[in-house]
Every structure is written in C-alpha cells, then in structure tokens.
C-alpha cells in the first residue's frame, strides 16, 4: 500500500472488512446518510478548504461493519466479469490486464459491436475478425468465457441511439434480421453468449425491450449460450440514473442469466464533483433490485475502474484512469483524501497551467467496501468497467477476499 500511496500509511490491518448482515427494506435505505451534493462535492481550489481528512485509522467507522467476517480460509466463490476494449485514443487496451490477471477473471465482454444505424438490424464493428478471434481464443485458453457485447452508443446523438434500438424492438422483420445475424456471429466465432448493452431507449419502448430480451434469452438458451443485460443504476428516487426508468429489473431478471447493475457514474460530467459510486448509493441500488425480486444470484454489481476529473476552468469533467491520477499524487500541490461517509477517495491537484482539479475515482481500498456489499447481499459477483483503467492493486484485493469462479467454456 505504501508503494501505491507513498505519502500515506495505514497503521492498522485492513485485511478484513466488517459489515452488518441485515435485509433490504425501506428503512435500511436511510437517505439521511446521503449528504447533499453541495456539502460533499465542492471543488477544492485552495488546500485550506479541503473538507476531508487524509487516510487514517480514524476515517474508518468500524462500528458500521460488525457482524460478518470474510474468512481467509473459506473465501466465497464469486464471478468477476470484465468489460474488454481495444486501445481507445490515449486509453490503454485491456489485453495486458487480461494476460496478467486471467486467474482472477471469470468472463469478459469485448466492447466490439454496435447496432448499425444505416442497416437496421445488422451488427457493425471496426475490429477485424482475426483480432476478435484472437481475443476469444486467448480467453478460452485461460478458462475465461466470452460474451459478444452489442450496444447502441456513440452515434453523435442520443436520438440516433434511441432510434436504432427502436428498430429492433418494434419491427419484427428487423428484429429477425438482428437475431439471425447475432446467432451466426456467436456460433461462427465461438462466443459463449451475448451481453446486451442497449442503454439508451425511448421510455415507451420499456415493455418492448423486456419482450425482446425474453425472446433473445430463449434463443441463446436453445444453443446452450448465456445472456447478460447491463442496466443503469436505479435507487427508486431522484438519485437514480436518468436512463434507468425504462428497464424493468424484475421482468428482465426472469429471462437472463445475469443482470449487471452499472452502479457507477453517480457523479459525472453532467453533475457537480462527487464520488463515482458512494457506498450508500451503491447499497441503495442493490436494495432496489432485491426489492424488485431480482434473485441475488443473478446480480453482478458493476464497479468502476476509472475516475472523473473536474477542473477549476469549468470544463466538463474528464474521463480518467487510475494511472493518470497516480502520476499527480506525489506533486507538491496534490492532496489525496478519503471521504469516510462515501467510502471513496478523491485527489486535489494543480496542473501545469496552474488550474486546480478534484478527481473522484475508485481504487483497491474502495473496492473492499463494494465487495463487502456483495457478501452482505450474497450477490453473484462484480462486473468491472473496464479492464486496463483500474488501480493495479485491485487484483490483490480480489484474490485475497474471494475465490474467483472459473466458468469453463
């Protein structure tokens, strides 16, 4: 830990996280613990204004975590699902992480295919077929399953994304084209299933999406393939992701093998600075799903490997990696802090132009609290967005706290 945080030292052993085992109920979702954004997410422009203490023993409220001990001898078996991408501009490929940490990964979903906006019902990808095959073969050789991910994002406008989704949801002949092409791609390349990342919908298409997933699940299961669906985080109140209302957690979970709850982007470029995924907010998303009768053993808790970086210039927050933030941690004007309410780290630093920044991110320490929630509610595991952006120490955290399920292809 001293290597990753050279200016900080943890004087106590954090080998175990303790957490109360209580069921989800309206009373367990105590929003009084959720401080207002104006109080907790102020952009620090002067180090004297820093509202939180540095990491230290007294920042951890151990009374919140009494009652359950994650045994080192009997580690729980959990799935670790990793989203995989090729190199993106200045962001690294997921390939080195997959190669280095394959023993701690159960399944991957390469971010490869999108719905074609010009040819309704067809898949579109700019990744050569030999590259796609190589990723699948590499994963299979290490007992990692691979799901084909298809999305409706990055068209230049949300309206286009909604329409390409509507095409396959509302028009039977286009839907048949999609099903046929998807089956052909999965069977010919050897994928183990499909991951549906169709996030951007018209609210009126909510029921159509549920029916679509039900039919697609039946097709996948006929071939012995799996299906997972990514859904935005829903807390059941005004803290929910704006895209969450058009996803029926309960009905979707009846058909799919895994419901991946994307419990991140609580704060993002459209909001004031704040945690990517605060502890209480994440717990409330889990409770919402369980109160919708989603089976716990079908839930993968989405966790972030990245951060958002806000600048005093007022520009939109920048999507950033742990390694980029780590490069600022030893600079004279930097201040790494821990918010003990949200169980989340953030970094204040000054850039080369003299502008102050505050970056909220996830690291190996905040992951321990997410894993504690996985154990508290006996969820199937976690899904990391994405491989290659994360704090490298998370892999030691995972191997020390859980036994990673290997789903042999």
Protein backbone atom coordinates (compact mmCIF):
# COMPACT_ATOMS: atom_id res chain seq x y z
CA UNK A 1 0.00 0.00 0.00
CA UNK A 2 2.86 2.36 0.68
CA UNK A 3 4.06 1.81 -2.88
CA UNK A 4 0.75 2.95 -4.38
CA UNK A 5 0.23 5.74 -1.85
CA UNK A 6 3.76 6.83 -0.97
CA UNK A 7 2.62 9.81 1.09
CA UNK A 8 0.21 7.77 3.18
CA UNK A 9 0.49 4.95 5.65
CA UNK A 10 -2.22 2.67 7.01
CA UNK A 11 -1.35 1.93 10.65
CA UNK A 12 -3.93 -0.83 11.05
CA UNK A 13 -4.61 -4.08 9.24
CA UNK A 14 -7.43 -3.77 6.74
CA UNK A 15 -7.33 -7.43 5.78
CA UNK A 16 -11.00 -7.82 6.62
CA UNK A 17 -13.97 -5.52 6.18
CA UNK A 18 -16.80 -5.99 8.65
CA UNK A 19 -20.41 -5.41 7.71
CA UNK A 20 -23.79 -5.89 9.34
CA UNK A 21 -25.99 -8.54 7.77
CA UNK A 22 -29.45 -7.02 7.50
CA UNK A 23 -32.04 -7.37 4.78
CA UNK A 24 -33.04 -4.68 2.33
CA UNK A 25 -36.07 -2.70 3.37
CA UNK A 26 -37.24 0.89 3.04
CA UNK A 27 -35.82 1.58 6.48
CA UNK A 28 -32.40 0.22 5.50
CA UNK A 29 -32.18 2.81 2.73
CA UNK A 30 -31.53 5.68 5.10
CA UNK A 31 -31.09 8.69 2.87
CA UNK A 32 -30.11 10.75 5.90
CA UNK A 33 -26.65 9.26 5.45
CA UNK A 34 -26.54 10.69 1.94
CA UNK A 35 -25.24 14.23 2.35
CA UNK A 36 -26.29 16.92 -0.09
CA UNK A 37 -24.09 17.40 -3.12
CA UNK A 38 -23.45 21.00 -2.17
CA UNK A 39 -21.94 19.86 1.13
CA UNK A 40 -19.88 16.93 -0.11
CA UNK A 41 -18.74 17.72 -3.66
CA UNK A 42 -17.22 21.18 -3.52
CA UNK A 43 -14.37 21.72 -5.95
CA UNK A 44 -11.37 22.46 -3.78
CA UNK A 45 -9.45 25.43 -5.17
CA UNK A 46 -7.45 26.10 -2.02
CA UNK A 47 -5.84 23.39 0.04
CA UNK A 48 -7.03 25.06 3.23
CA UNK A 49 -10.61 24.42 2.09
CA UNK A 50 -10.14 20.66 1.86
CA UNK A 51 -13.23 19.20 3.60
CA UNK A 52 -11.89 15.69 4.28
CA UNK A 53 -9.03 14.15 6.24
CA UNK A 54 -6.23 12.10 4.79
CA UNK A 55 -6.44 8.31 5.04
CA UNK A 56 -6.00 7.27 8.64
CA UNK A 57 -7.35 4.73 11.09
CA UNK A 58 -10.00 7.11 12.40
CA UNK A 59 -11.54 7.58 8.94
CA UNK A 60 -12.91 4.03 9.07
CA UNK A 61 -16.05 3.63 11.14
CA UNK A 62 -15.64 0.02 12.20
CA UNK A 63 -18.98 0.03 14.06
CA UNK A 64 -20.72 0.05 10.68
CA UNK A 65 -19.04 -3.22 9.77
CA UNK A 66 -19.53 -5.54 12.72
CA UNK A 67 -21.14 -8.94 12.46
CA UNK A 68 -19.68 -10.53 9.32
CA UNK A 69 -16.10 -11.60 8.70
CA UNK A 70 -14.84 -12.60 5.26
CA UNK A 71 -12.81 -15.67 6.16
CA UNK A 72 -9.43 -16.08 4.51
CA UNK A 73 -9.80 -19.86 4.84
CA UNK A 74 -13.30 -20.12 3.38
CA UNK A 75 -13.33 -17.41 0.77
CA UNK A 76 -16.67 -17.09 -1.05
CA UNK A 77 -16.82 -18.05 -4.72
CA UNK A 78 -17.77 -15.05 -6.85
CA UNK A 79 -17.77 -14.20 -10.54
CA UNK A 80 -15.55 -11.43 -11.89
CA UNK A 81 -16.87 -10.17 -15.20
CA UNK A 82 -14.59 -7.81 -17.12
CA UNK A 83 -15.50 -5.43 -19.92
CA UNK A 84 -12.77 -5.50 -22.54
CA UNK A 85 -11.79 -2.91 -25.16
CA UNK A 86 -9.05 -2.34 -27.66
CA UNK A 87 -6.92 0.80 -27.32
CA UNK A 88 -9.03 3.97 -27.25
CA UNK A 89 -7.22 7.20 -28.14
CA UNK A 90 -4.97 7.71 -25.09
CA UNK A 91 -6.56 4.89 -23.09
CA UNK A 92 -4.79 1.52 -22.99
CA UNK A 93 -6.07 -1.75 -24.39
CA UNK A 94 -7.49 -4.32 -21.98
CA UNK A 95 -5.20 -7.01 -23.39
CA UNK A 96 -2.29 -6.59 -20.93
CA UNK A 97 -4.65 -6.75 -17.95
CA UNK A 98 -6.34 -9.87 -19.29
CA UNK A 99 -2.96 -11.53 -19.81
CA UNK A 100 -1.62 -10.57 -16.38
CA UNK A 101 -4.72 -11.27 -14.28
CA UNK A 102 -6.60 -14.02 -16.12
CA UNK A 103 -6.71 -16.15 -12.97
CA UNK A 104 -8.95 -13.54 -11.35
CA UNK A 105 -11.37 -13.17 -14.26
CA UNK A 106 -14.39 -15.39 -14.94
CA UNK A 107 -15.80 -13.85 -18.11
CA UNK A 108 -15.20 -10.95 -20.47
CA UNK A 109 -17.37 -8.98 -22.87
CA UNK A 110 -15.37 -7.19 -25.59
CA UNK A 111 -16.87 -3.80 -26.46
CA UNK A 112 -16.88 -4.66 -30.16
CA UNK A 113 -20.31 -4.49 -31.81
CA UNK A 114 -22.95 -1.79 -32.15
CA UNK A 115 -26.31 -1.63 -33.87
CA UNK A 116 -25.86 -0.38 -37.42
CA UNK A 117 -27.64 2.94 -37.89
CA UNK A 118 -27.58 2.63 -41.68
CA UNK A 119 -28.56 -1.03 -41.99
CA UNK A 120 -31.29 -1.65 -39.39
CA UNK A 121 -30.94 -4.97 -37.60
CA UNK A 122 -27.33 -5.53 -38.60
CA UNK A 123 -24.23 -5.50 -36.42
CA UNK A 124 -21.43 -3.02 -37.01
CA UNK A 125 -17.81 -3.31 -35.89
CA UNK A 126 -14.46 -1.82 -36.86
CA UNK A 127 -12.49 -4.60 -35.15
CA UNK A 128 -11.04 -7.03 -37.73
CA UNK A 129 -12.31 -10.58 -37.48
CA UNK A 130 -8.84 -12.01 -36.82
CA UNK A 131 -8.49 -9.71 -33.79
CA UNK A 132 -11.90 -10.78 -32.49
CA UNK A 133 -10.98 -14.44 -32.88
CA UNK A 134 -7.65 -13.93 -31.14
CA UNK A 135 -9.32 -12.38 -28.08
CA UNK A 136 -11.78 -15.26 -27.84
CA UNK A 137 -9.08 -17.90 -28.23
CA UNK A 138 -6.81 -16.19 -25.73
CA UNK A 139 -9.61 -16.03 -23.15
CA UNK A 140 -10.74 -19.63 -23.72
CA UNK A 141 -7.19 -20.90 -23.30
CA UNK A 142 -7.31 -19.43 -19.80
CA UNK A 143 -10.76 -20.78 -18.89
CA UNK A 144 -12.46 -17.42 -19.36
CA UNK A 145 -15.84 -17.25 -21.08
CA UNK A 146 -16.54 -14.57 -23.67
CA UNK A 147 -19.86 -12.90 -24.37
CA UNK A 148 -20.49 -10.88 -27.52
CA UNK A 149 -21.37 -7.35 -26.43
CA UNK A 150 -23.70 -5.26 -28.59
CA UNK A 151 -24.55 -1.64 -27.78
CA UNK A 152 -26.40 1.43 -29.10
CA UNK A 153 -23.98 4.16 -28.05
CA UNK A 154 -21.68 6.70 -29.73
CA UNK A 155 -23.65 7.80 -32.77
CA UNK A 156 -23.14 11.50 -32.21
CA UNK A 157 -26.60 11.99 -30.71
CA UNK A 158 -28.83 10.22 -28.22
CA UNK A 159 -31.74 10.43 -30.66
CA UNK A 160 -29.96 8.15 -33.15
CA UNK A 161 -29.18 5.63 -30.41
CA UNK A 162 -32.81 5.51 -29.34
CA UNK A 163 -33.99 5.00 -32.91
CA UNK A 164 -31.59 2.16 -33.77
CA UNK A 165 -32.80 0.40 -30.63
CA UNK A 166 -36.45 1.01 -31.54
CA UNK A 167 -35.82 -0.56 -34.95
CA UNK A 168 -35.01 -3.97 -33.46
CA UNK A 169 -37.64 -3.68 -30.72
CA UNK A 170 -40.66 -2.57 -32.74
CA UNK A 171 -40.28 -4.01 -36.23
CA UNK A 172 -40.48 -7.83 -36.45
CA UNK A 173 -38.60 -8.16 -39.75
CA UNK A 174 -35.71 -6.03 -38.43
CA UNK A 175 -35.68 -7.96 -35.17
CA UNK A 176 -35.48 -11.24 -37.09
CA UNK A 177 -32.51 -9.87 -39.06
CA UNK A 178 -30.81 -8.99 -35.78
CA UNK A 179 -31.47 -12.38 -34.19
CA UNK A 180 -30.24 -14.23 -37.29
CA UNK A 181 -27.05 -12.19 -37.63
CA UNK A 182 -26.32 -12.35 -33.90
CA UNK A 183 -26.68 -16.15 -33.83
CA UNK A 184 -24.44 -16.51 -36.88
CA UNK A 185 -21.71 -14.36 -35.33
CA UNK A 186 -21.85 -16.11 -31.95
CA UNK A 187 -21.81 -19.62 -33.40
CA UNK A 188 -19.21 -19.00 -36.09
CA UNK A 189 -16.67 -17.25 -33.84
CA UNK A 190 -17.28 -19.34 -30.72
CA UNK A 191 -18.69 -16.80 -28.31
CA UNK A 192 -20.22 -18.24 -25.14
CA UNK A 193 -23.21 -15.90 -25.10
CA UNK A 194 -24.34 -12.32 -25.52
CA UNK A 195 -24.15 -9.20 -23.39
CA UNK A 196 -26.81 -6.61 -24.22
CA UNK A 197 -25.63 -3.07 -23.56
CA UNK A 198 -28.59 -1.27 -25.12
CA UNK A 199 -28.87 1.53 -22.59
CA UNK A 200 -30.44 4.41 -24.49
CA UNK A 201 -34.17 3.84 -25.11
CA UNK A 202 -37.43 5.68 -25.56
CA UNK A 203 -39.45 5.28 -22.36
CA UNK A 204 -42.35 3.97 -24.46
CA UNK A 205 -40.14 1.04 -25.53
CA UNK A 206 -39.76 -0.32 -21.98
CA UNK A 207 -42.15 -3.24 -22.45
CA UNK A 208 -40.89 -3.92 -25.97
CA UNK A 209 -37.34 -4.19 -24.61
CA UNK A 210 -38.47 -6.69 -21.96
CA UNK A 211 -40.20 -8.83 -24.61
CA UNK A 212 -37.11 -8.59 -26.83
CA UNK A 213 -34.86 -9.85 -24.04
CA UNK A 214 -37.26 -12.68 -23.24
CA UNK A 215 -37.19 -13.89 -26.85
CA UNK A 216 -33.44 -13.44 -27.19
CA UNK A 217 -32.87 -15.37 -23.96
CA UNK A 218 -34.86 -18.29 -25.30
CA UNK A 219 -32.76 -18.31 -28.48
CA UNK A 220 -29.48 -18.18 -26.56
CA UNK A 221 -30.52 -20.93 -24.19
CA UNK A 222 -31.52 -23.18 -27.11
CA UNK A 223 -27.91 -23.00 -28.23
CA UNK A 224 -26.55 -23.52 -24.72
CA UNK A 225 -25.36 -19.90 -24.61
CA UNK A 226 -25.66 -17.35 -21.81
CA UNK A 227 -27.19 -13.88 -21.81
CA UNK A 228 -26.47 -10.90 -19.59
CA UNK A 229 -28.06 -7.45 -19.68
CA UNK A 230 -26.50 -4.21 -18.44
CA UNK A 231 -28.92 -1.89 -16.65
CA UNK A 232 -28.34 1.63 -15.29
CA UNK A 233 -28.37 2.03 -11.52
CA UNK A 234 -31.79 2.67 -10.02
CA UNK A 235 -32.27 3.75 -6.40
CA UNK A 236 -36.01 4.28 -6.75
CA UNK A 237 -35.71 8.02 -6.12
CA UNK A 238 -34.17 11.15 -7.62
CA UNK A 239 -30.65 9.72 -7.25
CA UNK A 240 -31.33 7.09 -9.92
CA UNK A 241 -29.57 7.18 -13.26
CA UNK A 242 -31.75 9.20 -15.70
CA UNK A 243 -31.76 6.24 -18.11
CA UNK A 244 -32.94 3.71 -15.52
CA UNK A 245 -36.77 4.12 -15.75
CA UNK A 246 -37.05 2.15 -18.98
CA UNK A 247 -35.59 -1.04 -17.52
CA UNK A 248 -37.89 -3.45 -15.71
CA UNK A 249 -35.44 -5.16 -13.36
CA UNK A 250 -37.94 -7.77 -12.19
CA UNK A 251 -39.13 -8.94 -15.60
CA UNK A 252 -35.68 -8.83 -17.19
CA UNK A 253 -34.25 -10.99 -14.42
CA UNK A 254 -36.81 -13.71 -15.16
CA UNK A 255 -35.19 -14.35 -18.55
CA UNK A 256 -31.49 -13.56 -18.29
CA UNK A 257 -28.61 -15.38 -16.63
CA UNK A 258 -27.03 -12.20 -15.25
CA UNK A 259 -28.33 -8.72 -14.59
CA UNK A 260 -25.36 -6.35 -14.48
CA UNK A 261 -26.24 -3.27 -12.43
CA UNK A 262 -23.99 -0.44 -13.58
CA UNK A 263 -23.53 1.07 -10.12
CA UNK A 264 -21.25 3.90 -11.21
CA UNK A 265 -21.44 7.45 -12.60
CA UNK A 266 -23.38 8.65 -9.58
CA UNK A 267 -21.46 11.85 -10.32
CA UNK A 268 -20.30 12.52 -13.86
CA UNK A 269 -19.69 15.39 -16.33
CA UNK A 270 -23.33 16.49 -16.01
CA UNK A 271 -23.12 16.93 -12.23
CA UNK A 272 -21.08 18.70 -9.61
CA UNK A 273 -17.94 16.87 -8.40
CA UNK A 274 -18.55 13.86 -6.21
CA UNK A 275 -17.95 10.13 -5.85
CA UNK A 276 -18.22 7.83 -8.83
CA UNK A 277 -20.07 5.35 -6.64
CA UNK A 278 -20.63 6.22 -2.99
CA UNK A 279 -21.19 3.42 -0.51
CA UNK A 280 -24.77 4.29 0.43
CA UNK A 281 -25.80 4.96 -3.17
CA UNK A 282 -24.41 1.60 -4.28
CA UNK A 283 -26.15 -0.19 -1.44
CA UNK A 284 -29.41 1.51 -2.33
CA UNK A 285 -29.15 0.34 -5.93
CA UNK A 286 -28.70 -3.22 -4.67
CA UNK A 287 -31.66 -2.87 -2.33
CA UNK A 288 -33.83 -1.50 -5.11
CA UNK A 289 -33.05 -4.55 -7.27
CA UNK A 290 -33.68 -7.02 -4.46
CA UNK A 291 -36.94 -5.28 -3.56
CA UNK A 292 -37.94 -5.78 -7.21
CA UNK A 293 -37.49 -9.51 -6.58
CA UNK A 294 -34.35 -9.84 -8.67
CA UNK A 295 -32.59 -13.01 -7.45
CA UNK A 296 -29.34 -12.12 -5.72
CA UNK A 297 -27.54 -14.94 -7.55
CA UNK A 298 -28.29 -13.24 -10.87
CA UNK A 299 -26.87 -9.86 -9.89
CA UNK A 300 -23.39 -8.76 -10.87
CA UNK A 301 -22.52 -5.46 -9.22
CA UNK A 302 -20.97 -3.09 -11.73
CA UNK A 303 -17.84 -1.40 -10.34
CA UNK A 304 -15.75 1.35 -11.89
CA UNK A 305 -12.05 1.18 -12.59
CA UNK A 306 -11.88 4.82 -13.64
CA UNK A 307 -12.48 8.31 -12.29
CA UNK A 308 -13.85 11.73 -13.25
CA UNK A 309 -11.59 14.77 -13.13
CA UNK A 310 -13.13 18.23 -12.65
CA UNK A 311 -11.10 21.37 -13.34
CA UNK A 312 -11.44 24.87 -11.89
CA UNK A 313 -11.68 26.09 -15.51
CA UNK A 314 -15.29 24.93 -15.51
CA UNK A 315 -14.79 22.48 -18.35
CA UNK A 316 -16.70 19.22 -18.30
CA UNK A 317 -15.19 16.52 -16.14
CA UNK A 318 -12.66 14.35 -17.97
CA UNK A 319 -12.82 10.55 -18.00
CA UNK A 320 -9.54 9.38 -16.48
CA UNK A 321 -7.61 6.30 -15.43
CA UNK A 322 -6.06 5.37 -12.12
CA UNK A 323 -2.56 5.53 -13.62
CA UNK A 324 -3.09 9.10 -14.86
CA UNK A 325 -4.23 10.20 -11.41
CA UNK A 326 -1.43 8.32 -9.72
CA UNK A 327 1.06 10.44 -11.68
CA UNK A 328 -0.26 13.53 -9.85
CA UNK A 329 -0.24 12.06 -6.34
CA UNK A 330 3.35 12.98 -5.45
CA UNK A 331 3.25 16.52 -6.79
CA UNK A 332 3.77 19.31 -4.22
CA UNK A 333 0.28 20.82 -4.56
CA UNK A 334 -1.55 17.49 -4.53
CA UNK A 335 -3.69 16.15 -1.70
CA UNK A 336 -5.07 12.60 -1.67
CA UNK A 337 -8.08 12.31 0.61
CA UNK A 338 -10.63 9.79 1.80
CA UNK A 339 -14.32 10.52 2.30
CA UNK A 340 -15.37 8.23 5.14
CA UNK A 341 -19.08 8.88 4.54
CA UNK A 342 -19.00 7.80 0.91
CA UNK A 343 -16.07 5.36 1.35
CA UNK A 344 -14.41 6.86 -1.67
CA UNK A 345 -11.06 8.53 -2.45
CA UNK A 346 -10.51 11.81 -4.25
CA UNK A 347 -7.45 13.76 -5.31
CA UNK A 348 -6.88 17.51 -5.36
CA UNK A 349 -4.00 18.64 -7.56
CA UNK A 350 -2.71 21.53 -9.65
CA UNK A 351 -1.98 21.09 -13.35
CA UNK A 352 0.89 22.60 -15.35
CA UNK A 353 -1.22 25.66 -16.19
CA UNK A 354 -1.93 26.38 -12.54
CA UNK A 355 -5.56 25.16 -12.63
CA UNK A 356 -6.84 23.23 -9.64
CA UNK A 357 -8.50 19.86 -10.11
CA UNK A 358 -10.55 17.49 -8.00
CA UNK A 359 -10.80 13.92 -9.22
CA UNK A 360 -13.03 11.27 -7.70
CA UNK A 361 -12.13 7.70 -8.54
CA UNK A 362 -12.21 4.10 -7.37
CA UNK A 363 -9.25 2.15 -6.04
CA UNK A 364 -8.40 -1.10 -4.29
CA UNK A 365 -9.47 0.30 -0.93
CA UNK A 366 -12.92 1.49 -2.08
CA UNK A 367 -13.37 -1.87 -3.82
CA UNK A 368 -13.23 -3.58 -0.42
CA UNK A 369 -16.42 -1.81 0.56
CA UNK A 370 -18.11 -2.86 -2.69
CA UNK A 371 -17.06 -6.46 -2.07
CA UNK A 372 -18.46 -6.21 1.44
CA UNK A 373 -21.84 -5.37 -0.11
CA UNK A 374 -21.54 -8.31 -2.48
CA UNK A 375 -21.09 -10.54 0.56
CA UNK A 376 -23.76 -8.82 2.63
CA UNK A 377 -26.39 -9.48 -0.03
CA UNK A 378 -24.85 -12.69 -1.41
CA UNK A 379 -24.63 -11.38 -4.97
CA UNK A 380 -23.13 -13.42 -7.79
CA UNK A 381 -20.10 -11.15 -8.13
CA UNK A 382 -18.86 -7.98 -9.79
CA UNK A 383 -18.51 -6.58 -13.32
CA UNK A 384 -15.60 -4.20 -13.88
CA UNK A 385 -15.74 -1.32 -16.36
CA UNK A 386 -13.21 -1.69 -17.69
CA UNK A 387 -10.09 -3.85 -17.78
CA UNK A 388 -6.99 -1.64 -18.11
CA UNK A 389 -8.20 1.51 -16.35
CA UNK A 390 -8.11 0.23 -12.77
CA UNK A 391 -5.82 0.52 -9.78
CA UNK A 392 -3.47 -2.48 -10.25
CA UNK A 393 -3.84 -3.31 -6.54
CA UNK A 394 -7.47 -4.37 -7.02
CA UNK A 395 -6.27 -7.75 -8.27
CA UNK A 396 -4.55 -8.45 -4.96
CA UNK A 397 -7.71 -7.32 -3.19
CA UNK A 398 -9.83 -9.71 -5.23
CA UNK A 399 -7.53 -12.71 -4.81
CA UNK A 400 -7.26 -12.15 -1.05
CA UNK A 401 -11.00 -11.75 -0.45
CA UNK A 402 -12.80 -14.05 -2.90
CA UNK A 403 -12.28 -17.24 -4.85
CA UNK A 404 -12.91 -16.31 -8.47
CA UNK A 405 -15.34 -18.62 -10.23
CA UNK A 406 -13.98 -20.20 -13.39
CA UNK A 407 -16.79 -20.82 -15.88
CA UNK A 408 -15.08 -23.29 -18.20
CA UNK A 409 -16.15 -22.64 -21.82
